[in-house]
């Protein structure tokens, strides 16, 4: 998402692993209190589709065709039984405009007792993207899943309470959009959701093993799928949550790290062909404070190697479970 919106609704603090702001942003301390994450409710199933005899009685949004997602995962059978353990290593974000840190429309969440993590990337060209992202972030933080009807209603109520100009009112009718990438442990692997161009990157020994939705950087150049705030997009949002959620099978020791990243970072990492200590992934893994991440992002943008966009990464360590 590349354009800068003139309206910013919520501030987004830079993520700092070494201070209390980081702990607040990531819903508690980074200490794992539960070595095996309890099951998390899956995303809500799509609403029942009306049959032909009922369609004339229902609102238009429930009778519209639902577009096919641009990407859905390839389902691989899960054969293992071990539950991997996840822990938060670090998390950083840099705004598209460092001079306007409150304009950051990315969000990241870590839930220690569930070992669950997610990143969101709001569409800057949509209306009040920060507000929509904040609602989804907080909803996911509470439950580890998204109650999309409730969140859309909360968004509608908040927008209705604003004193909008006529131009803002027109813009608000288009709604807001965000991508999502999330993981948490489950029997035999990782329960994952990947909607749009935020990415889940699996790593072993500082080498990318697999990436979702794709290892091809060109995949991230198209207009991505996204979760919309308008009630007319409820069916399509529910379908995205259903079709883009799956289990990634993992054998013990198959990976040692996971990076959840928004699209600017995904393209930057996946475009690198270096397999050495100078690789972009190695440089990212070597960072231990947010100022170093900001310096790296700033240098890569200036060199034209990273897109100027909000740039967020969550690094998780993976260890064998029982």
Protein backbone atom coordinates (compact mmCIF):
# COMPACT_ATOMS: atom_id res chain seq x y z
CA UNK A 1 0.00 0.00 0.00
CA UNK A 2 1.88 3.02 -1.25
CA UNK A 3 -0.17 6.21 -0.99
CA UNK A 4 -0.26 8.52 2.03
CA UNK A 5 -3.69 9.34 3.42
CA UNK A 6 -4.36 12.87 4.69
CA UNK A 7 -6.42 11.52 7.58
CA UNK A 8 -4.89 9.63 10.50
CA UNK A 9 -7.15 8.38 13.26
CA UNK A 10 -5.08 6.36 15.69
CA UNK A 11 -1.40 6.54 16.65
CA UNK A 12 0.78 3.45 16.32
CA UNK A 13 3.79 3.38 18.62
CA UNK A 14 7.06 2.05 17.22
CA UNK A 15 7.56 -1.46 18.56
CA UNK A 16 10.39 -1.67 21.08
CA UNK A 17 11.19 -5.06 22.60
CA UNK A 18 13.05 -3.41 25.46
CA UNK A 19 10.40 -1.13 26.92
CA UNK A 20 6.84 -1.23 28.30
CA UNK A 21 5.35 0.18 25.10
CA UNK A 22 6.35 -3.02 23.33
CA UNK A 23 4.76 -5.12 26.08
CA UNK A 24 1.53 -3.13 25.79
CA UNK A 25 1.48 -3.39 22.01
CA UNK A 26 1.99 -7.14 22.15
CA UNK A 27 -0.59 -7.90 24.84
CA UNK A 28 1.64 -8.84 27.74
CA UNK A 29 5.16 -10.00 28.45
CA UNK A 30 7.15 -12.08 26.02
CA UNK A 31 7.54 -14.88 28.55
CA UNK A 32 5.79 -18.05 27.47
CA UNK A 33 3.48 -19.17 30.26
CA UNK A 34 2.03 -22.16 28.47
CA UNK A 35 4.31 -24.51 26.54
CA UNK A 36 1.41 -25.90 24.56
CA UNK A 37 -1.07 -23.44 23.19
CA UNK A 38 -4.74 -24.31 23.78
CA UNK A 39 -6.89 -24.54 20.72
CA UNK A 40 -8.01 -21.21 19.35
CA UNK A 41 -11.38 -20.79 17.80
CA UNK A 42 -11.04 -20.88 14.01
CA UNK A 43 -12.22 -17.90 11.97
CA UNK A 44 -15.95 -17.77 11.63
CA UNK A 45 -17.46 -19.84 8.89
CA UNK A 46 -19.24 -17.92 6.14
CA UNK A 47 -22.91 -17.12 6.64
CA UNK A 48 -25.36 -19.64 5.15
CA UNK A 49 -26.21 -18.73 1.59
CA UNK A 50 -29.92 -18.18 0.91
CA UNK A 51 -31.66 -20.37 -1.60
CA UNK A 52 -33.36 -18.96 -4.68
CA UNK A 53 -36.78 -18.74 -3.07
CA UNK A 54 -35.48 -16.52 -0.25
CA UNK A 55 -33.16 -14.25 -2.21
CA UNK A 56 -35.76 -11.62 -3.06
CA UNK A 57 -36.47 -11.10 0.65
CA UNK A 58 -32.86 -10.53 1.73
CA UNK A 59 -30.62 -7.44 1.68
CA UNK A 60 -28.55 -7.02 -1.50
CA UNK A 61 -25.23 -7.73 0.28
CA UNK A 62 -26.30 -11.30 1.01
CA UNK A 63 -27.24 -12.12 -2.56
CA UNK A 64 -24.15 -10.76 -4.33
CA UNK A 65 -21.64 -13.12 -5.86
CA UNK A 66 -18.52 -13.62 -3.78
CA UNK A 67 -15.31 -13.20 -5.80
CA UNK A 68 -12.75 -15.98 -5.68
CA UNK A 69 -9.68 -15.15 -3.57
CA UNK A 70 -6.59 -14.31 -5.63
CA UNK A 71 -4.67 -16.89 -3.60
CA UNK A 72 -5.60 -19.89 -1.49
CA UNK A 73 -3.20 -22.33 0.19
CA UNK A 74 -2.43 -25.78 -1.10
CA UNK A 75 -3.66 -28.15 1.58
CA UNK A 76 -1.11 -30.79 2.63
CA UNK A 77 -2.16 -33.65 4.92
CA UNK A 78 -0.95 -33.36 8.50
CA UNK A 79 0.72 -36.56 9.62
CA UNK A 80 2.59 -35.48 12.75
CA UNK A 81 1.24 -35.18 16.27
CA UNK A 82 3.76 -32.89 18.00
CA UNK A 83 2.74 -29.34 18.87
CA UNK A 84 5.57 -26.86 18.22
CA UNK A 85 6.39 -24.17 20.79
CA UNK A 86 6.55 -20.53 19.68
CA UNK A 87 8.17 -17.63 21.50
CA UNK A 88 8.57 -13.98 20.54
CA UNK A 89 12.10 -13.03 19.62
CA UNK A 90 11.50 -9.41 18.53
CA UNK A 91 9.18 -7.09 16.67
CA UNK A 92 9.83 -3.82 14.87
CA UNK A 93 8.04 -1.39 12.61
CA UNK A 94 9.07 1.69 10.62
CA UNK A 95 6.52 4.11 9.21
CA UNK A 96 6.47 4.95 5.51
CA UNK A 97 7.30 8.53 6.57
CA UNK A 98 9.60 8.52 9.62
CA UNK A 99 8.69 12.15 10.19
CA UNK A 100 5.06 11.12 10.78
CA UNK A 101 5.33 8.05 13.05
CA UNK A 102 1.63 8.20 13.96
CA UNK A 103 0.70 7.58 10.33
CA UNK A 104 1.81 3.93 10.51
CA UNK A 105 -1.08 1.75 9.34
CA UNK A 106 0.56 -1.58 10.16
CA UNK A 107 -0.19 -3.40 13.41
CA UNK A 108 1.31 -6.43 15.12
CA UNK A 109 0.10 -8.68 17.94
CA UNK A 110 1.76 -11.32 20.13
CA UNK A 111 -0.35 -13.28 22.64
CA UNK A 112 2.05 -15.08 25.02
CA UNK A 113 -0.38 -17.48 26.67
CA UNK A 114 -1.63 -18.68 23.28
CA UNK A 115 1.74 -18.42 21.51
CA UNK A 116 -0.16 -16.65 18.74
CA UNK A 117 1.08 -13.85 16.48
CA UNK A 118 -0.37 -11.71 13.71
CA UNK A 119 0.45 -8.73 11.52
CA UNK A 120 -2.03 -6.43 9.78
CA UNK A 121 -1.38 -3.96 6.95
CA UNK A 122 -4.03 -1.30 6.39
CA UNK A 123 -4.64 0.04 2.89
CA UNK A 124 -3.56 3.69 2.98
CA UNK A 125 -5.79 4.69 0.08
CA UNK A 126 -8.87 3.46 1.97
CA UNK A 127 -10.74 5.58 4.52
CA UNK A 128 -9.61 5.51 8.19
CA UNK A 129 -7.42 2.46 7.65
CA UNK A 130 -5.73 2.89 11.04
CA UNK A 131 -9.08 2.74 12.82
CA UNK A 132 -10.07 -0.48 11.03
CA UNK A 133 -6.67 -2.08 11.65
CA UNK A 134 -6.81 -1.13 15.33
CA UNK A 135 -10.24 -2.73 15.72
CA UNK A 136 -9.10 -5.97 14.07
CA UNK A 137 -5.85 -5.99 16.05
CA UNK A 138 -7.70 -5.61 19.35
CA UNK A 139 -10.35 -8.16 18.37
CA UNK A 140 -7.71 -10.70 17.39
CA UNK A 141 -5.80 -9.97 20.60
CA UNK A 142 -8.87 -10.80 22.68
CA UNK A 143 -9.83 -14.04 20.96
CA UNK A 144 -7.07 -15.18 18.60
CA UNK A 145 -9.67 -15.02 15.82
CA UNK A 146 -11.85 -12.40 14.16
CA UNK A 147 -15.56 -11.92 14.81
CA UNK A 148 -16.01 -10.03 11.56
CA UNK A 149 -19.73 -9.09 11.92
CA UNK A 150 -19.09 -7.59 15.36
CA UNK A 151 -15.97 -5.74 14.22
CA UNK A 152 -17.73 -4.29 11.19
CA UNK A 153 -20.54 -3.08 13.47
CA UNK A 154 -18.03 -1.46 15.84
CA UNK A 155 -16.39 0.30 12.91
CA UNK A 156 -19.76 1.52 11.60
CA UNK A 157 -20.70 2.85 15.04
CA UNK A 158 -17.41 4.72 15.40
CA UNK A 159 -17.66 6.28 11.95
CA UNK A 160 -21.29 7.27 12.58
CA UNK A 161 -20.24 9.10 15.76
CA UNK A 162 -17.79 11.34 13.88
CA UNK A 163 -18.52 14.80 12.59
CA UNK A 164 -17.39 14.19 9.02
CA UNK A 165 -17.17 16.70 6.21
CA UNK A 166 -19.05 15.86 3.04
CA UNK A 167 -15.79 14.71 1.42
CA UNK A 168 -14.94 12.47 4.35
CA UNK A 169 -18.47 11.07 4.29
CA UNK A 170 -18.09 10.16 0.63
CA UNK A 171 -14.73 8.53 1.35
CA UNK A 172 -16.10 6.63 4.34
CA UNK A 173 -18.68 4.90 2.17
CA UNK A 174 -15.86 3.08 0.39
CA UNK A 175 -14.74 1.65 3.74
CA UNK A 176 -11.36 0.46 4.98
CA UNK A 177 -9.26 -2.61 4.17
CA UNK A 178 -6.44 -4.63 5.71
CA UNK A 179 -4.40 -7.71 5.00
CA UNK A 180 -3.62 -10.35 7.65
CA UNK A 181 -0.95 -12.97 8.34
CA UNK A 182 -1.16 -15.02 11.55
CA UNK A 183 0.08 -18.25 13.11
CA UNK A 184 -0.34 -20.27 16.28
CA UNK A 185 0.73 -23.82 17.21
CA UNK A 186 -1.54 -26.75 16.62
CA UNK A 187 -1.22 -30.54 16.57
CA UNK A 188 1.20 -31.43 13.80
CA UNK A 189 2.20 -27.92 12.76
CA UNK A 190 0.99 -24.34 12.57
CA UNK A 191 -2.55 -23.05 12.24
CA UNK A 192 -2.16 -20.20 9.76
CA UNK A 193 -4.20 -17.48 8.07
CA UNK A 194 -2.81 -15.46 5.17
CA UNK A 195 -5.07 -12.90 3.49
CA UNK A 196 -3.53 -10.51 0.98
CA UNK A 197 0.16 -9.73 0.71
CA UNK A 198 1.33 -9.84 4.31
CA UNK A 199 3.53 -12.92 4.51
CA UNK A 200 4.42 -15.92 6.67
CA UNK A 201 8.07 -16.86 6.13
CA UNK A 202 9.42 -20.13 7.53
CA UNK A 203 13.16 -20.17 8.33
CA UNK A 204 15.81 -22.72 9.25
CA UNK A 205 19.44 -21.81 9.97
CA UNK A 206 18.98 -18.31 8.53
CA UNK A 207 17.62 -19.68 5.24
CA UNK A 208 14.09 -19.23 3.92
CA UNK A 209 12.45 -22.66 3.73
CA UNK A 210 8.98 -21.62 2.61
CA UNK A 211 6.90 -18.46 2.27
CA UNK A 212 3.16 -17.84 2.07
CA UNK A 213 1.40 -16.65 0.01
CA UNK A 214 4.41 -17.03 -2.31
CA UNK A 215 8.21 -17.12 -2.54
CA UNK A 216 7.99 -15.15 -5.79
CA UNK A 217 8.44 -11.39 -5.14
CA UNK A 218 6.35 -10.64 -8.24
CA UNK A 219 3.32 -12.14 -6.50
CA UNK A 220 3.23 -9.11 -4.19
CA UNK A 221 2.90 -6.55 -6.98
CA UNK A 222 -0.80 -7.14 -7.63
CA UNK A 223 -3.76 -5.69 -5.76
CA UNK A 224 -4.14 -8.01 -2.76
CA UNK A 225 -7.18 -9.56 -1.16
CA UNK A 226 -8.18 -7.72 2.00
CA UNK A 227 -10.72 -7.74 4.81
CA UNK A 228 -13.18 -4.88 4.35
CA UNK A 229 -14.98 -2.84 6.99
CA UNK A 230 -18.30 -2.44 5.18
CA UNK A 231 -21.18 -4.81 5.95
CA UNK A 232 -21.65 -5.34 2.21
CA UNK A 233 -18.29 -7.15 2.33
CA UNK A 234 -19.23 -9.49 5.18
CA UNK A 235 -19.78 -12.57 3.03
CA UNK A 236 -16.56 -12.10 1.08
CA UNK A 237 -14.63 -11.46 4.28
CA UNK A 238 -15.98 -14.60 5.91
CA UNK A 239 -15.09 -16.57 2.80
CA UNK A 240 -11.54 -15.18 2.82
CA UNK A 241 -11.11 -16.21 6.46
CA UNK A 242 -12.38 -19.70 5.66
CA UNK A 243 -10.48 -20.33 2.43
CA UNK A 244 -7.20 -18.71 3.46
CA UNK A 245 -6.88 -20.51 6.81
CA UNK A 246 -5.16 -23.89 6.96
CA UNK A 247 -2.62 -26.01 8.83
CA UNK A 248 1.05 -25.89 7.78
CA UNK A 249 2.44 -29.37 8.54
CA UNK A 250 5.75 -29.34 10.44
CA UNK A 251 8.06 -32.08 11.59
CA UNK A 252 10.09 -31.50 14.76
CA UNK A 253 13.20 -29.49 13.91
CA UNK A 254 12.00 -28.62 10.40
CA UNK A 255 12.19 -24.87 11.09
CA UNK A 256 13.68 -22.77 13.88
CA UNK A 257 12.14 -19.35 13.18
CA UNK A 258 9.12 -17.65 11.63
CA UNK A 259 8.93 -14.10 10.27
CA UNK A 260 5.53 -12.44 9.92
CA UNK A 261 6.02 -9.41 7.69
CA UNK A 262 4.06 -6.83 5.77
CA UNK A 263 4.49 -6.65 2.01
CA UNK A 264 7.38 -4.16 1.73
CA UNK A 265 9.53 -6.40 3.94
CA UNK A 266 8.33 -9.58 2.20
CA UNK A 267 9.37 -8.36 -1.24
CA UNK A 268 12.72 -7.12 0.11
CA UNK A 269 13.54 -10.44 1.78
CA UNK A 270 12.34 -12.64 -1.07
CA UNK A 271 14.17 -10.61 -3.74
CA UNK A 272 17.56 -11.36 -2.15
CA UNK A 273 19.74 -14.05 -3.73
CA UNK A 274 22.62 -13.85 -1.26
CA UNK A 275 23.33 -16.92 0.86
CA UNK A 276 25.86 -15.47 3.24
CA UNK A 277 26.20 -13.39 6.36
CA UNK A 278 25.44 -10.37 4.17
CA UNK A 279 22.00 -11.64 3.17
CA UNK A 280 19.00 -9.49 4.01
CA UNK A 281 17.57 -12.22 6.20
CA UNK A 282 20.82 -12.55 8.14
CA UNK A 283 20.98 -8.81 8.63
CA UNK A 284 17.41 -8.83 9.88
CA UNK A 285 18.00 -11.72 12.27
CA UNK A 286 21.08 -9.97 13.66
CA UNK A 287 19.13 -6.89 14.75
CA UNK A 288 18.46 -6.58 18.47
CA UNK A 289 16.85 -3.15 18.81
CA UNK A 290 14.31 -1.08 16.91
CA UNK A 291 16.71 1.76 16.10
CA UNK A 292 18.84 -0.69 14.12
CA UNK A 293 15.79 -1.84 12.17
CA UNK A 294 14.90 1.78 11.39
CA UNK A 295 18.46 2.45 10.21
CA UNK A 296 18.43 -0.64 7.98
CA UNK A 297 15.04 0.17 6.47
CA UNK A 298 16.03 3.80 5.87
CA UNK A 299 19.24 2.76 4.09
CA UNK A 300 17.50 0.14 1.93
CA UNK A 301 14.79 2.61 0.90
CA UNK A 302 17.39 5.21 -0.01
CA UNK A 303 19.20 2.64 -2.16
CA UNK A 304 15.94 1.72 -3.91
CA UNK A 305 16.01 -1.85 -2.62
CA UNK A 306 12.95 -1.56 -0.35
CA UNK A 307 9.59 -0.04 -1.20
CA UNK A 308 8.71 3.08 0.76
CA UNK A 309 5.84 1.73 2.83
CA UNK A 310 5.13 0.85 6.44
CA UNK A 311 7.60 -1.94 7.19
CA UNK A 312 6.81 -4.38 10.00
CA UNK A 313 8.35 -7.67 11.09
CA UNK A 314 7.60 -10.09 13.93
CA UNK A 315 10.28 -12.71 14.55
CA UNK A 316 9.25 -15.89 16.35
CA UNK A 317 11.49 -18.69 17.58
CA UNK A 318 10.27 -22.26 17.08
CA UNK A 319 11.24 -25.18 19.29
CA UNK A 320 10.07 -28.77 19.49
CA UNK A 321 7.02 -29.44 21.59
CA UNK A 322 5.96 -32.62 23.36
